[in-house]
Amino acid sequence: MTAGTELLTPQQLQQVDDTCGIPLITLIERAGQAVAEEIVRRYGACKTVVLCGPGNKGRDGAVAARHLQTWGWTVSKSDDISDAELIIDALYGSGLNREFPQNLADEIYCAGVPVISIDVPSGLNGLTGQPRGASVKADLTVTFFRKKPGHVLLPGRTLCGEVVVRDIGIQAWVLDHKDITVWENAKPELPTLVVEGHKYRRGHALIISGGKFQTGASRLAASAALKIGAGLVTITGTADALLVHASHLTAVMMAEIKTTDQLVNLLEDKRINAVCVGPAAGVGPKTAKNVMAILQSGAAAVLDADAITSCSTNAKLLFSWIRSLPNRTVILTPHEGEFARIFDNTPVSKLERARAAAKLSGAIIILKGADTVIAHPDGRAKINTNAPPGLATAGSGDVLSGIVTGLLAQGMNGFEAACAAVWLHGDAAQKFEGSTFTAEDLLTKIGQTQ
């Protein structure tokens, strides 16, 4: 995993403080100075009110106030923010064990001035990203050593504003014996091309098409799989559907299939090593039967959209199919609505919901959204942060499924392929620099390095 991307729970960060070998008073001094430096870097000297709580976060705030005063700022530590031009939130850290009052959050927000939070905005649960009652909404959050899940999960990511992680002298070795299982998703290493390679060494991906009036989604997935580097991609479906595909596609191959038995026969070709089913495949028993055939073939499988919904009436059976070949990769890519159809939605934290679903099903879960969580059955998870709002467009999820399938076809490890696909998906969208785009446009940016 990429160094520095570890996401630590509040408890783990407390253990880091306790075992790093640096006196607490020194850590507080360094943290407070770091906060003051980040403020000066962004703002000119102004009337600043520091709201200090009773714990170490309040002590950090007091140190920040002292440094700002030394540098010529007008600073007060009081509850009166009526004439403040900048507010430092040093009230409560991620260890808050009671609800944060809504009236105080509203008062700070309505002051209409920049708010800088230390550690996490007061009221925000550093583990779940959810407010405890209410939460301060910060323009800038300054934290130390490593981020917490609450910094990157929604709504925490929005409530934190810009997040800056400052080095206060704690060395990475303190993590050597910590059970780190969650990371922020980072730029991946992708399969490399070799001189002696040929197309079959880069894998053969199979995409299951819907009917003749539902071909677009599978075509997006197939195009994405080919664009990300799969050696061959085949769309399979009925003749009338394939005629539609043929009018749009050139490099993608086609195989006519009417029944699940014919799909089984096709999958006997073990060069087909990754299969995607779900994008507009149709909801019903036929799709469920196709899922079973794919899972029994031994090929890596990506189950999206209609495949998930088609199997939701008998989730236990689906999970047994997934577990029947434990060495074969299965990836489920639900959005929140599809997730709710097949999994228990009880846990508040999106991270914990995805991890519980992965453990229950035996599949790698990509729980999609602006804060997509990728979870492995063994408990490992990554949270993605590079997806711009423009990704909320029709067909975007189909492109993601295709990227995952294409990476699996190239032999990439299942968890790594899922994480890489999500990051690449967001990275492609960022290349539009805020302009609107369609899923077809997105295909043109997949894998671009510039």
Protein backbone atom coordinates (compact mmCIF):
# COMPACT_ATOMS: atom_id res chain seq x y z
CA MET A 1 0.00 0.00 0.00
CA THR A 2 1.16 3.55 -0.71
CA ALA A 3 2.98 5.00 2.31
CA GLY A 4 1.10 7.82 3.97
CA THR A 5 -2.34 6.73 2.78
CA GLU A 6 -3.18 4.80 5.94
CA LEU A 7 -6.44 5.88 7.57
CA LEU A 8 -6.24 5.46 11.33
CA THR A 9 -9.08 5.21 13.78
CA PRO A 10 -9.16 7.72 16.65
CA GLN A 11 -8.07 4.89 18.94
CA GLN A 12 -5.13 4.01 16.72
CA LEU A 13 -4.01 7.62 16.60
CA GLN A 14 -4.18 7.80 20.38
CA GLN A 15 -1.93 4.72 20.50
CA VAL A 16 0.44 6.46 18.08
CA ASP A 17 0.68 9.44 20.41
CA ASP A 18 1.31 7.12 23.35
CA THR A 19 4.02 5.02 21.67
CA CYS A 20 5.85 7.46 19.37
CA GLY A 21 8.42 8.38 22.03
CA ILE A 22 7.69 12.12 21.90
CA PRO A 23 6.39 13.82 25.07
CA LEU A 24 2.76 14.91 24.86
CA ILE A 25 3.66 18.52 25.64
CA THR A 26 6.00 18.53 22.64
CA LEU A 27 3.34 17.07 20.35
CA ILE A 28 0.87 19.74 21.48
CA GLU A 29 3.41 22.51 20.90
CA ARG A 30 4.20 21.24 17.41
CA ALA A 31 0.53 20.75 16.54
CA GLY A 32 -0.48 24.24 17.66
CA GLN A 33 2.38 25.83 15.73
CA ALA A 34 1.43 23.82 12.63
CA VAL A 35 -2.13 25.13 12.84
CA ALA A 36 -0.90 28.71 13.16
CA GLU A 37 1.42 28.28 10.18
CA GLU A 38 -1.35 26.92 7.97
CA ILE A 39 -3.59 29.85 8.90
CA VAL A 40 -0.89 32.46 8.18
CA ARG A 41 -0.19 30.73 4.87
CA ARG A 42 -3.80 31.36 3.77
CA TYR A 43 -5.01 34.49 5.56
CA GLY A 44 -3.80 37.94 6.45
CA ALA A 45 -3.71 39.09 10.08
CA CYS A 46 -7.25 39.55 11.37
CA LYS A 47 -9.37 39.41 14.53
CA THR A 48 -9.27 35.75 15.48
CA VAL A 49 -11.31 33.97 18.12
CA VAL A 50 -10.06 30.61 19.34
CA LEU A 51 -12.78 28.40 20.80
CA CYS A 52 -10.91 26.11 23.18
CA GLY A 53 -12.34 22.94 24.69
CA PRO A 54 -11.16 21.04 27.75
CA GLY A 55 -8.94 18.40 26.10
CA ASN A 56 -5.73 18.25 24.08
CA LYS A 57 -7.47 19.87 21.11
CA GLY A 58 -8.11 22.92 23.31
CA ARG A 59 -4.43 22.91 24.29
CA ASP A 60 -3.47 22.79 20.60
CA GLY A 61 -5.70 25.82 20.07
CA ALA A 62 -4.08 27.72 22.91
CA VAL A 63 -0.63 27.14 21.37
CA ALA A 64 -1.91 28.29 17.96
CA ALA A 65 -3.30 31.45 19.59
CA ARG A 66 0.03 32.18 21.26
CA HIS A 67 1.93 31.88 17.98
CA LEU A 68 -0.53 34.07 16.10
CA GLN A 69 -0.30 36.74 18.79
CA THR A 70 3.49 36.61 18.58
CA TRP A 71 3.19 37.19 14.84
CA GLY A 72 1.04 40.30 15.34
CA TRP A 73 -2.50 38.93 15.12
CA THR A 74 -5.33 40.09 17.38
CA VAL A 75 -6.41 36.90 19.14
CA SER A 76 -8.88 36.18 21.92
CA LYS A 77 -9.90 32.91 23.60
CA SER A 78 -13.57 33.50 24.39
CA ASP A 79 -17.08 32.36 23.55
CA ASP A 80 -17.96 35.69 21.91
CA ILE A 81 -17.56 35.39 18.13
CA SER A 82 -19.73 38.39 17.25
CA ASP A 83 -16.85 40.45 15.84
CA ALA A 84 -14.56 37.59 14.81
CA GLU A 85 -12.97 37.71 11.36
CA LEU A 86 -11.64 34.17 11.68
CA ILE A 87 -12.57 31.33 14.05
CA ILE A 88 -10.33 28.51 15.22
CA ASP A 89 -12.37 25.49 16.28
CA ALA A 90 -10.40 23.87 19.11
CA LEU A 91 -13.46 22.65 21.01
CA TYR A 92 -13.76 18.86 20.78
CA GLY A 93 -11.75 16.21 18.96
CA SER A 94 -12.76 12.90 17.44
CA GLY A 95 -13.11 11.38 20.90
CA LEU A 96 -16.29 13.35 21.68
CA ASN A 97 -18.71 10.95 23.36
CA ARG A 98 -21.85 13.08 23.36
CA GLU A 99 -23.89 15.04 20.86
CA PHE A 100 -22.52 18.37 19.71
CA PRO A 101 -25.18 21.09 20.11
CA GLN A 102 -26.89 22.25 16.94
CA ASN A 103 -27.22 25.83 18.21
CA LEU A 104 -23.44 26.14 18.62
CA ALA A 105 -22.79 24.69 15.17
CA ASP A 106 -25.33 27.15 13.73
CA GLU A 107 -23.78 30.09 15.58
CA ILE A 108 -20.33 29.34 14.21
CA TYR A 109 -21.65 28.81 10.68
CA CYS A 110 -23.74 31.99 10.73
CA ALA A 111 -20.73 34.07 11.76
CA GLY A 112 -19.89 34.03 8.05
CA VAL A 113 -16.11 33.97 8.54
CA PRO A 114 -13.43 31.35 7.78
CA VAL A 115 -13.44 28.45 10.24
CA ILE A 116 -10.30 26.40 10.85
CA SER A 117 -10.76 23.15 12.74
CA ILE A 118 -8.03 21.27 14.57
CA ASP A 119 -8.00 17.46 14.14
CA VAL A 120 -11.63 17.18 12.98
CA PRO A 121 -14.50 19.69 13.01
CA SER A 122 -16.04 19.57 16.47
CA GLY A 123 -18.95 17.14 16.52
CA LEU A 124 -17.64 14.99 13.66
CA ASN A 125 -17.07 11.31 14.35
CA GLY A 126 -13.54 10.62 13.14
CA LEU A 127 -14.35 6.97 12.49
CA THR A 128 -17.66 7.15 10.61
CA GLY A 129 -17.64 10.60 9.04
CA GLN A 130 -21.04 11.25 10.61
CA PRO A 131 -21.87 14.16 12.95
CA ARG A 132 -22.63 13.43 16.58
CA GLY A 133 -25.83 15.47 16.71
CA ALA A 134 -24.38 18.44 14.81
CA SER A 135 -20.94 19.41 13.55
CA VAL A 136 -18.89 22.48 12.85
CA LYS A 137 -18.43 23.08 9.11
CA ALA A 138 -14.82 24.05 8.50
CA ASP A 139 -13.09 25.76 5.61
CA LEU A 140 -9.82 24.13 6.62
CA THR A 141 -9.04 21.18 8.88
CA VAL A 142 -5.49 20.69 10.10
CA THR A 143 -4.74 17.20 11.34
CA PHE A 144 -1.53 15.39 12.21
CA PHE A 145 0.48 12.34 11.05
CA ARG A 146 -2.37 10.53 9.24
CA LYS A 147 -5.99 11.12 8.26
CA LYS A 148 -8.92 9.33 9.85
CA PRO A 149 -11.76 7.65 7.92
CA GLY A 150 -14.02 10.53 8.97
CA HIS A 151 -11.88 12.96 6.97
CA VAL A 152 -12.72 11.18 3.68
CA LEU A 153 -16.15 9.60 4.20
CA LEU A 154 -19.18 11.76 3.49
CA PRO A 155 -20.48 13.98 4.95
CA GLY A 156 -17.24 14.31 6.91
CA ARG A 157 -15.21 15.16 3.83
CA THR A 158 -17.51 18.12 3.10
CA LEU A 159 -17.61 19.26 6.71
CA CYS A 160 -13.79 19.24 6.91
CA GLY A 161 -13.26 21.52 3.92
CA GLU A 162 -9.62 21.38 2.83
CA VAL A 163 -7.72 18.80 4.87
CA VAL A 164 -4.02 19.32 5.57
CA VAL A 165 -2.00 16.58 7.26
CA ARG A 166 0.98 18.08 9.09
CA ASP A 167 4.14 16.31 10.12
CA ILE A 168 4.79 16.87 13.82
CA GLY A 169 7.79 14.56 14.09
CA ILE A 170 6.09 11.19 14.49
CA GLN A 171 7.97 8.52 12.51
CA ALA A 172 6.27 5.92 10.30
CA TRP A 173 7.76 3.05 12.31
CA VAL A 174 5.06 3.52 14.93
CA LEU A 175 2.69 1.80 12.49
CA ASP A 176 4.83 -1.34 12.18
CA HIS A 177 2.83 -3.33 14.69
CA LYS A 178 -0.52 -1.66 14.19
CA ASP A 179 -3.31 -3.57 12.49
CA ILE A 180 -3.85 -1.17 9.58
CA THR A 181 -6.77 -2.26 7.39
CA VAL A 182 -8.06 0.96 5.81
CA TRP A 183 -6.35 3.29 3.33
CA GLU A 184 -7.20 6.26 1.16
CA ASN A 185 -7.28 5.05 -2.44
CA ALA A 186 -4.23 6.23 -4.37
CA LYS A 187 -2.86 6.22 -7.90
CA PRO A 188 -2.30 2.56 -8.87
CA GLU A 189 0.45 0.64 -10.59
CA LEU A 190 -1.05 -0.87 -13.73
CA PRO A 191 -0.08 -3.99 -15.69
CA THR A 192 2.90 -3.31 -17.94
CA LEU A 193 3.19 -4.31 -21.57
CA VAL A 194 6.05 -6.62 -22.55
CA VAL A 195 7.84 -6.82 -25.90
CA GLU A 196 7.08 -10.51 -26.37
CA GLY A 197 3.44 -10.11 -25.37
CA HIS A 198 0.41 -10.85 -27.51
CA LYS A 199 -3.28 -10.15 -27.14
CA TYR A 200 -4.15 -13.38 -25.33
CA ARG A 201 -1.51 -12.63 -22.71
CA ARG A 202 -3.47 -9.47 -21.95
CA GLY A 203 -6.63 -11.47 -21.33
CA HIS A 204 -10.03 -11.94 -22.91
CA ALA A 205 -12.96 -10.11 -21.33
CA LEU A 206 -16.57 -11.12 -21.94
CA ILE A 207 -19.46 -8.67 -21.50
CA ILE A 208 -23.08 -9.89 -21.37
CA SER A 209 -25.43 -7.68 -23.39
CA GLY A 210 -29.03 -6.77 -22.74
CA GLY A 211 -31.76 -6.82 -25.39
CA LYS A 212 -31.70 -4.83 -28.61
CA PHE A 213 -33.08 -1.71 -26.94
CA GLN A 214 -30.73 -2.03 -23.92
CA THR A 215 -27.34 -2.34 -25.58
CA GLY A 216 -25.71 0.93 -24.59
CA ALA A 217 -24.64 -0.02 -21.08
CA SER A 218 -22.85 -3.23 -22.08
CA ARG A 219 -21.24 -1.40 -25.00
CA LEU A 220 -19.82 1.20 -22.60
CA ALA A 221 -18.45 -1.58 -20.40
CA ALA A 222 -16.91 -3.41 -23.36
CA SER A 223 -15.30 -0.25 -24.71
CA ALA A 224 -13.87 0.58 -21.28
CA ALA A 225 -12.43 -2.93 -20.88
CA LEU A 226 -10.71 -2.65 -24.24
CA LYS A 227 -9.47 0.90 -23.56
CA ILE A 228 -7.87 -0.07 -20.24
CA GLY A 229 -5.83 -2.76 -21.92
CA ALA A 230 -7.65 -6.09 -22.18
CA GLY A 231 -6.22 -7.99 -25.15
CA LEU A 232 -9.60 -9.05 -26.48
CA VAL A 233 -13.16 -8.11 -25.57
CA THR A 234 -16.28 -9.94 -26.69
CA ILE A 235 -19.90 -8.89 -26.26
CA THR A 236 -22.36 -11.77 -26.16
CA GLY A 237 -26.10 -11.56 -26.71
CA THR A 238 -28.94 -12.31 -29.09
CA ALA A 239 -28.58 -11.68 -32.81
CA ASP A 240 -30.79 -8.59 -32.82
CA ALA A 241 -28.81 -7.04 -29.98
CA LEU A 242 -25.51 -7.82 -31.70
CA LEU A 243 -26.71 -6.13 -34.87
CA VAL A 244 -27.07 -2.92 -32.88
CA HIS A 245 -23.62 -3.37 -31.35
CA ALA A 246 -22.12 -4.07 -34.76
CA SER A 247 -23.20 -0.66 -36.00
CA HIS A 248 -21.20 1.01 -33.20
CA LEU A 249 -18.18 -1.18 -32.48
CA THR A 250 -15.14 -2.20 -34.46
CA ALA A 251 -12.44 -3.77 -32.27
CA VAL A 252 -14.89 -5.48 -29.90
CA MET A 253 -15.85 -8.98 -31.04
CA MET A 254 -19.31 -10.51 -30.81
CA ALA A 255 -20.72 -13.94 -29.99
CA GLU A 256 -24.36 -14.84 -30.47
CA ILE A 257 -25.93 -16.55 -27.46
CA LYS A 258 -29.60 -17.16 -26.77
CA THR A 259 -29.53 -19.46 -23.72
CA THR A 260 -27.58 -20.00 -20.54
CA ASP A 261 -26.44 -23.39 -21.85
CA GLN A 262 -24.80 -21.64 -24.79
CA LEU A 263 -23.09 -19.28 -22.35
CA VAL A 264 -21.78 -22.28 -20.43
CA ASN A 265 -20.36 -23.72 -23.64
CA LEU A 266 -18.69 -20.40 -24.53
CA LEU A 267 -17.08 -20.19 -21.09
CA GLU A 268 -15.42 -23.55 -21.63
CA ASP A 269 -12.84 -21.52 -23.53
CA LYS A 270 -10.58 -20.75 -20.58
CA ARG A 271 -8.90 -17.93 -22.46
CA ILE A 272 -12.01 -15.99 -21.47
CA ASN A 273 -10.77 -15.10 -18.00
CA ALA A 274 -12.97 -12.17 -16.92
CA VAL A 275 -16.72 -11.71 -17.34
CA CYS A 276 -18.97 -8.73 -16.64
CA VAL A 277 -22.72 -9.18 -16.27
CA GLY A 278 -25.24 -6.59 -15.18
CA PRO A 279 -25.09 -3.38 -17.21
CA ALA A 280 -28.64 -3.31 -18.66
CA ALA A 281 -28.59 -7.11 -18.81
CA GLY A 282 -32.24 -7.27 -17.79
CA VAL A 283 -33.72 -8.10 -14.39
CA GLY A 284 -35.10 -11.60 -13.98
CA PRO A 285 -34.45 -15.35 -13.85
CA LYS A 286 -32.43 -15.43 -17.07
CA THR A 287 -29.85 -13.00 -15.74
CA ALA A 288 -29.74 -14.90 -12.44
CA LYS A 289 -29.05 -18.14 -14.34
CA ASN A 290 -26.33 -16.43 -16.34
CA VAL A 291 -24.73 -15.25 -13.09
CA MET A 292 -24.69 -18.82 -11.79
CA ALA A 293 -23.09 -20.08 -15.00
CA ILE A 294 -20.42 -17.39 -14.88
CA LEU A 295 -19.62 -18.08 -11.23
CA GLN A 296 -19.33 -21.80 -11.88
CA SER A 297 -16.98 -21.27 -14.84
CA GLY A 298 -14.05 -20.16 -12.70
CA ALA A 299 -13.52 -16.90 -14.61
CA ALA A 300 -13.12 -13.70 -12.64
CA ALA A 301 -16.55 -12.08 -12.44
CA VAL A 302 -17.88 -8.53 -12.14
CA LEU A 303 -21.53 -8.38 -11.07
CA ASP A 304 -23.18 -5.01 -11.57
CA ALA A 305 -26.63 -3.44 -11.64
CA ASP A 306 -29.20 -5.91 -13.04
CA ALA A 307 -27.10 -8.92 -12.02
CA ILE A 308 -27.22 -7.81 -8.38
CA THR A 309 -30.94 -7.05 -8.51
CA SER A 310 -31.73 -10.34 -10.28
CA CYS A 311 -30.03 -12.29 -7.49
CA SER A 312 -31.36 -10.20 -4.60
CA THR A 313 -34.40 -12.42 -4.01
CA ASN A 314 -32.07 -15.25 -2.99
CA ALA A 315 -28.95 -13.59 -1.72
CA LYS A 316 -27.85 -16.62 0.32
CA LEU A 317 -27.75 -18.71 -2.85
CA LEU A 318 -25.68 -16.05 -4.63
CA PHE A 319 -23.21 -15.95 -1.76
CA SER A 320 -22.91 -19.74 -1.83
CA TRP A 321 -22.11 -19.58 -5.56
CA ILE A 322 -19.46 -16.97 -4.87
CA ARG A 323 -17.89 -19.05 -2.10
CA SER A 324 -17.98 -22.26 -4.15
CA LEU A 325 -14.67 -21.31 -5.83
CA PRO A 326 -12.84 -19.20 -3.22
CA ASN A 327 -9.71 -18.74 -5.35
CA ARG A 328 -11.71 -17.02 -8.09
CA THR A 329 -12.27 -13.26 -7.92
CA VAL A 330 -15.83 -11.92 -7.72
CA ILE A 331 -16.47 -8.19 -7.54
CA LEU A 332 -19.89 -6.63 -6.84
CA THR A 333 -20.34 -2.99 -7.85
CA PRO A 334 -23.60 -1.73 -6.28
CA HIS A 335 -24.73 1.82 -5.78
CA GLU A 336 -26.59 2.48 -2.52
CA GLY A 337 -29.99 1.40 -3.89
CA GLU A 338 -28.70 -1.90 -5.24
CA PHE A 339 -26.72 -2.48 -2.06
CA ALA A 340 -29.87 -2.11 0.03
CA ARG A 341 -31.64 -4.76 -2.05
CA ILE A 342 -29.15 -7.46 -1.18
CA PHE A 343 -27.38 -6.46 2.05
CA ASP A 344 -28.30 -5.26 5.52
CA ASN A 345 -28.08 -1.47 5.57
CA THR A 346 -27.98 -1.21 9.37
CA PRO A 347 -24.44 0.09 10.15
CA VAL A 348 -24.25 3.87 9.99
CA SER A 349 -20.75 3.98 8.53
CA LYS A 350 -20.47 3.36 4.80
CA LEU A 351 -17.07 1.83 5.45
CA GLU A 352 -18.44 -0.72 7.91
CA ARG A 353 -21.41 -1.54 5.67
CA ALA A 354 -19.10 -2.35 2.78
CA ARG A 355 -16.75 -4.41 4.95
CA ALA A 356 -19.62 -6.37 6.47
CA ALA A 357 -21.05 -7.05 3.00
CA ALA A 358 -17.71 -8.30 1.70
CA LYS A 359 -17.29 -10.63 4.66
CA LEU A 360 -20.83 -11.95 4.32
CA SER A 361 -20.76 -12.49 0.56
CA GLY A 362 -17.18 -13.57 -0.02
CA ALA A 363 -16.94 -10.96 -2.80
CA ILE A 364 -14.96 -7.76 -3.13
CA ILE A 365 -17.44 -4.90 -2.79
CA ILE A 366 -17.27 -1.59 -4.63
CA LEU A 367 -19.93 0.47 -2.85
CA LYS A 368 -20.22 3.38 -5.24
CA GLY A 369 -20.73 7.06 -4.57
CA ALA A 370 -18.73 10.24 -4.19
CA ASP A 371 -16.88 8.43 -1.40
CA THR A 372 -16.72 4.97 -3.01
CA VAL A 373 -15.56 2.25 -0.60
CA ILE A 374 -13.73 -0.82 -1.88
CA ALA A 375 -13.83 -3.68 0.65
CA HIS A 376 -12.23 -7.14 0.67
CA PRO A 377 -13.70 -10.11 2.58
CA ASP A 378 -10.58 -10.20 4.78
CA GLY A 379 -11.37 -6.72 6.16
CA ARG A 380 -9.08 -4.57 4.04
CA ALA A 381 -10.70 -1.48 2.59
CA LYS A 382 -9.93 1.68 0.68
CA ILE A 383 -11.92 4.90 0.46
CA ASN A 384 -11.77 6.83 -2.80
CA THR A 385 -11.54 10.62 -2.83
CA ASN A 386 -10.82 11.70 -6.41
CA ALA A 387 -14.31 11.44 -7.93
CA PRO A 388 -15.66 14.81 -9.12
CA PRO A 389 -19.41 15.57 -9.10
CA GLY A 390 -19.59 15.15 -12.88
CA LEU A 391 -19.33 11.38 -12.49
CA ALA A 392 -23.00 11.36 -11.47
CA THR A 393 -24.09 10.82 -15.05
CA ALA A 394 -25.90 8.01 -16.88
CA GLY A 395 -23.57 5.20 -17.92
CA SER A 396 -20.73 6.19 -15.63
CA GLY A 397 -21.10 3.02 -13.56
CA ASP A 398 -21.04 0.88 -16.71
CA VAL A 399 -17.69 2.39 -17.64
CA LEU A 400 -16.38 1.57 -14.16
CA SER A 401 -17.51 -2.05 -14.48
CA GLY A 402 -15.71 -2.28 -17.80
CA ILE A 403 -12.48 -0.88 -16.37
CA VAL A 404 -12.57 -3.43 -13.54
CA THR A 405 -13.21 -6.27 -15.99
CA GLY A 406 -10.40 -5.17 -18.29
CA LEU A 407 -7.91 -5.06 -15.43
CA LEU A 408 -9.01 -8.49 -14.20
CA ALA A 409 -8.57 -9.87 -17.72
CA GLN A 410 -4.94 -8.72 -17.60
CA GLY A 411 -4.39 -10.80 -14.48
CA MET A 412 -4.48 -8.05 -11.90
CA ASN A 413 -5.22 -9.09 -8.31
CA GLY A 414 -8.93 -8.64 -7.57
CA PHE A 415 -8.68 -6.10 -4.76
CA GLU A 416 -5.97 -4.15 -6.56
CA ALA A 417 -8.01 -4.19 -9.77
CA ALA A 418 -11.09 -2.87 -7.98
CA CYS A 419 -9.15 -0.09 -6.27
CA ALA A 420 -7.28 0.83 -9.45
CA ALA A 421 -10.47 0.95 -11.50
CA VAL A 422 -12.20 3.29 -9.06
CA TRP A 423 -9.20 5.64 -8.99
CA LEU A 424 -8.81 5.59 -12.80
CA HIS A 425 -12.53 6.27 -13.18
CA GLY A 426 -12.27 9.38 -11.02
CA ASP A 427 -9.03 10.46 -12.66
CA ALA A 428 -10.59 10.26 -16.13
CA ALA A 429 -13.47 12.44 -14.96
CA GLN A 430 -11.11 15.02 -13.46
CA LYS A 431 -9.56 15.59 -16.87
CA PHE A 432 -12.71 17.46 -17.92
CA GLU A 433 -11.77 20.19 -15.40
CA GLY A 434 -15.26 20.96 -14.18
CA SER A 435 -17.05 20.85 -17.52
CA THR A 436 -19.96 18.50 -18.03
CA PHE A 437 -19.40 15.25 -19.88
CA THR A 438 -21.13 12.01 -20.81
CA ALA A 439 -20.11 8.42 -20.21
CA GLU A 440 -19.04 8.22 -23.86
CA ASP A 441 -16.77 11.21 -23.28
CA LEU A 442 -15.33 9.49 -20.22
CA LEU A 443 -14.10 6.63 -22.37
CA THR A 444 -11.78 8.96 -24.22
CA LYS A 445 -9.89 9.85 -21.03
CA ILE A 446 -9.38 6.37 -19.56
CA GLY A 447 -5.73 5.64 -18.93
CA GLN A 448 -4.45 9.02 -20.15
CA THR A 449 -1.36 10.08 -18.26
CA GLN A 450 -1.75 13.79 -18.99
